[in-house]
Amino acid sequence: MNHCKKGRKLGRKRDQKKALLKNLATSLILKEKIKTTEAKAKEVRPFVEKLITKSRIVNNLSVIRYLAKYLPEEARKKIVKEIGPRYQERAGGYTRIVKLGPRKTDGAKMAIIELVK
């Protein structure tokens, strides 16, 4: 039974799912727009939004160390220098999910997740 369990399994074990979310978040931060399955997009959205909310706090060593736990150096620099200041006045909702049609090969629901300008 799956009582009180949040999130999707995405067909992976816990550490593999964690690595997948880190990679998706890194790609989203660096490219600002990625195409993935709808389930993965919905799963990575709160993860990225929490990172962006943390990055809005300026010049705080604990925030940089927190981001270092989840992001590589190039993505960490971009989120602190560009993305965090961009959303300084915004109270949340930094990402947008646009649903696409099914994938041709296996029929999986596809979506684009992007950072709102």
C-alpha atoms as a PDB file:
ATOM      1  CA  MET A   1       0.000   0.000   0.000  1.00  0.00           C
ATOM      2  CA  ASN A   2       1.081   3.520  -0.716  1.00  0.00           C
ATOM      3  CA  HIS A   3      -0.429   5.401   2.230  1.00  0.00           C
ATOM      4  CA  CYS A   4       1.096   8.820   3.041  1.00  0.00           C
ATOM      5  CA  LYS A   5       3.773   8.490   0.355  1.00  0.00           C
ATOM      6  CA  LYS A   6       4.388  11.675  -1.588  1.00  0.00           C
ATOM      7  CA  GLY A   7       5.775  11.872  -5.084  1.00  0.00           C
ATOM      8  CA  ARG A   8       6.055   9.486  -7.987  1.00  0.00           C
ATOM      9  CA  LYS A   9       8.345   6.490  -8.196  1.00  0.00           C
ATOM     10  CA  LEU A  10       9.244   7.106 -11.856  1.00  0.00           C
ATOM     11  CA  GLY A  11      10.232   3.449 -12.172  1.00  0.00           C
ATOM     12  CA  ARG A  12      13.393   3.941 -10.133  1.00  0.00           C
ATOM     13  CA  LYS A  13      14.797   3.311  -6.699  1.00  0.00           C
ATOM     14  CA  ARG A  14      15.299   6.167  -4.278  1.00  0.00           C
ATOM     15  CA  ASP A  15      18.905   7.061  -5.101  1.00  0.00           C
ATOM     16  CA  GLN A  16      18.323   6.769  -8.849  1.00  0.00           C
ATOM     17  CA  LYS A  17      15.260   9.028  -8.583  1.00  0.00           C
ATOM     18  CA  LYS A  18      17.254  11.553  -6.556  1.00  0.00           C
ATOM     19  CA  ALA A  19      19.992  11.584  -9.212  1.00  0.00           C
ATOM     20  CA  LEU A  20      17.386  11.984 -11.966  1.00  0.00           C
ATOM     21  CA  LEU A  21      15.825  14.988 -10.200  1.00  0.00           C
ATOM     22  CA  LYS A  22      19.243  16.603  -9.713  1.00  0.00           C
ATOM     23  CA  ASN A  23      20.061  16.145 -13.412  1.00  0.00           C
ATOM     24  CA  LEU A  24      16.682  17.473 -14.553  1.00  0.00           C
ATOM     25  CA  ALA A  25      17.011  20.481 -12.238  1.00  0.00           C
ATOM     26  CA  THR A  26      20.532  21.199 -13.508  1.00  0.00           C
ATOM     27  CA  SER A  27      19.372  21.026 -17.130  1.00  0.00           C
ATOM     28  CA  LEU A  28      16.391  23.256 -16.410  1.00  0.00           C
ATOM     29  CA  ILE A  29      18.537  25.875 -14.685  1.00  0.00           C
ATOM     30  CA  LEU A  30      21.226  25.922 -17.372  1.00  0.00           C
ATOM     31  CA  LYS A  31      18.925  25.788 -20.423  1.00  0.00           C
ATOM     32  CA  GLU A  32      15.837  27.401 -18.797  1.00  0.00           C
ATOM     33  CA  LYS A  33      13.575  25.115 -20.851  1.00  0.00           C
ATOM     34  CA  ILE A  34      13.536  21.321 -21.213  1.00  0.00           C
ATOM     35  CA  LYS A  35      11.278  18.756 -22.830  1.00  0.00           C
ATOM     36  CA  THR A  36      10.524  15.695 -20.725  1.00  0.00           C
ATOM     37  CA  THR A  37       7.649  13.451 -19.713  1.00  0.00           C
ATOM     38  CA  GLU A  38       4.742  15.009 -17.871  1.00  0.00           C
ATOM     39  CA  ALA A  39       5.341  12.962 -14.709  1.00  0.00           C
ATOM     40  CA  LYS A  40       9.016  13.979 -14.524  1.00  0.00           C
ATOM     41  CA  ALA A  41       8.110  17.628 -15.133  1.00  0.00           C
ATOM     42  CA  LYS A  42       5.543  17.570 -12.332  1.00  0.00           C
ATOM     43  CA  GLU A  43       8.041  15.908 -10.017  1.00  0.00           C
ATOM     44  CA  VAL A  44      10.934  18.314 -10.712  1.00  0.00           C
ATOM     45  CA  ARG A  45       8.815  21.470 -10.432  1.00  0.00           C
ATOM     46  CA  PRO A  46       8.673  21.756  -6.597  1.00  0.00           C
ATOM     47  CA  PHE A  47      12.324  20.710  -6.379  1.00  0.00           C
ATOM     48  CA  VAL A  48      13.458  23.568  -8.655  1.00  0.00           C
ATOM     49  CA  GLU A  49      11.096  26.122  -7.131  1.00  0.00           C
ATOM     50  CA  LYS A  50      12.520  25.482  -3.660  1.00  0.00           C
ATOM     51  CA  LEU A  51      16.058  25.947  -5.017  1.00  0.00           C
ATOM     52  CA  ILE A  52      15.102  29.246  -6.675  1.00  0.00           C
ATOM     53  CA  THR A  53      13.401  30.480  -3.492  1.00  0.00           C
ATOM     54  CA  LYS A  54      16.568  29.716  -1.528  1.00  0.00           C
ATOM     55  CA  SER A  55      18.747  31.445  -4.149  1.00  0.00           C
ATOM     56  CA  ARG A  56      16.833  34.722  -3.730  1.00  0.00           C
ATOM     57  CA  ILE A  57      18.617  35.254  -0.395  1.00  0.00           C
ATOM     58  CA  VAL A  58      21.710  37.261  -1.311  1.00  0.00           C
ATOM     59  CA  ASN A  59      25.269  36.615  -0.063  1.00  0.00           C
ATOM     60  CA  ASN A  60      24.533  33.859   2.404  1.00  0.00           C
ATOM     61  CA  LEU A  61      27.074  31.073   2.776  1.00  0.00           C
ATOM     62  CA  SER A  62      24.548  28.573   4.095  1.00  0.00           C
ATOM     63  CA  VAL A  63      22.400  29.048   0.974  1.00  0.00           C
ATOM     64  CA  ILE A  64      25.384  28.422  -1.294  1.00  0.00           C
ATOM     65  CA  ARG A  65      26.232  25.257   0.643  1.00  0.00           C
ATOM     66  CA  TYR A  66      22.605  24.117   0.438  1.00  0.00           C
ATOM     67  CA  LEU A  67      22.619  24.629  -3.330  1.00  0.00           C
ATOM     68  CA  ALA A  68      25.965  22.810  -3.582  1.00  0.00           C
ATOM     69  CA  LYS A  69      24.265  19.720  -2.199  1.00  0.00           C
ATOM     70  CA  TYR A  70      21.969  19.546  -5.242  1.00  0.00           C
ATOM     71  CA  LEU A  71      23.638  21.419  -8.118  1.00  0.00           C
ATOM     72  CA  PRO A  72      27.021  21.414  -9.846  1.00  0.00           C
ATOM     73  CA  GLU A  73      29.107  24.574  -9.805  1.00  0.00           C
ATOM     74  CA  GLU A  74      28.036  26.054 -13.167  1.00  0.00           C
ATOM     75  CA  ALA A  75      24.326  25.696 -12.366  1.00  0.00           C
ATOM     76  CA  ARG A  76      24.889  27.025  -8.849  1.00  0.00           C
ATOM     77  CA  LYS A  77      26.590  30.149 -10.191  1.00  0.00           C
ATOM     78  CA  LYS A  78      23.802  30.777 -12.671  1.00  0.00           C
ATOM     79  CA  ILE A  79      21.002  30.350 -10.141  1.00  0.00           C
ATOM     80  CA  VAL A  80      22.680  32.708  -7.630  1.00  0.00           C
ATOM     81  CA  LYS A  81      23.833  35.403 -10.091  1.00  0.00           C
ATOM     82  CA  GLU A  82      21.029  35.429 -12.706  1.00  0.00           C
ATOM     83  CA  ILE A  83      17.914  33.487 -11.760  1.00  0.00           C
ATOM     84  CA  GLY A  84      17.606  34.436  -8.080  1.00  0.00           C
ATOM     85  CA  PRO A  85      17.775  38.213  -8.680  1.00  0.00           C
ATOM     86  CA  ARG A  86      15.357  37.901 -11.622  1.00  0.00           C
ATOM     87  CA  TYR A  87      12.598  36.628  -9.313  1.00  0.00           C
ATOM     88  CA  GLN A  88      13.310  38.944  -6.374  1.00  0.00           C
ATOM     89  CA  GLU A  89       9.820  40.503  -6.435  1.00  0.00           C
ATOM     90  CA  ARG A  90       7.961  37.344  -7.459  1.00  0.00           C
ATOM     91  CA  ALA A  91       6.292  35.399  -4.632  1.00  0.00           C
ATOM     92  CA  GLY A  92       6.511  31.975  -6.281  1.00  0.00           C
ATOM     93  CA  GLY A  93       5.463  30.173  -9.437  1.00  0.00           C
ATOM     94  CA  TYR A  94       8.815  30.364 -11.195  1.00  0.00           C
ATOM     95  CA  THR A  95       8.123  27.493 -13.595  1.00  0.00           C
ATOM     96  CA  ARG A  96       5.519  26.718 -16.224  1.00  0.00           C
ATOM     97  CA  ILE A  97       4.536  23.287 -17.527  1.00  0.00           C
ATOM     98  CA  VAL A  98       3.140  23.166 -21.068  1.00  0.00           C
ATOM     99  CA  LYS A  99       1.602  19.824 -21.988  1.00  0.00           C
ATOM    100  CA  LEU A 100       2.394  18.348 -25.392  1.00  0.00           C
ATOM    101  CA  GLY A 101       1.001  15.372 -27.231  1.00  0.00           C
ATOM    102  CA  PRO A 102       2.054  11.786 -26.624  1.00  0.00           C
ATOM    103  CA  ARG A 103       5.508  10.565 -27.663  1.00  0.00           C
ATOM    104  CA  LYS A 104       5.410   8.595 -30.895  1.00  0.00           C
ATOM    105  CA  THR A 105       7.447   5.608 -29.777  1.00  0.00           C
ATOM    106  CA  ASP A 106       5.789   4.621 -26.507  1.00  0.00           C
ATOM    107  CA  GLY A 107       2.855   7.017 -26.143  1.00  0.00           C
ATOM    108  CA  ALA A 108       4.183   8.695 -22.989  1.00  0.00           C
ATOM    109  CA  LYS A 109       2.646  12.082 -22.200  1.00  0.00           C
ATOM    110  CA  MET A 110       5.220  14.781 -22.931  1.00  0.00           C
ATOM    111  CA  ALA A 111       5.570  18.272 -21.521  1.00  0.00           C
ATOM    112  CA  ILE A 112       7.855  21.283 -21.634  1.00  0.00           C
ATOM    113  CA  ILE A 113       8.917  22.771 -18.326  1.00  0.00           C
ATOM    114  CA  GLU A 114      10.375  26.267 -18.481  1.00  0.00           C
ATOM    115  CA  LEU A 115      11.282  29.159 -16.247  1.00  0.00           C
ATOM    116  CA  VAL A 116       8.806  32.036 -16.411  1.00  0.00           C
ATOM    117  CA  LYS A 117      10.301  35.293 -17.702  1.00  0.00           C
END
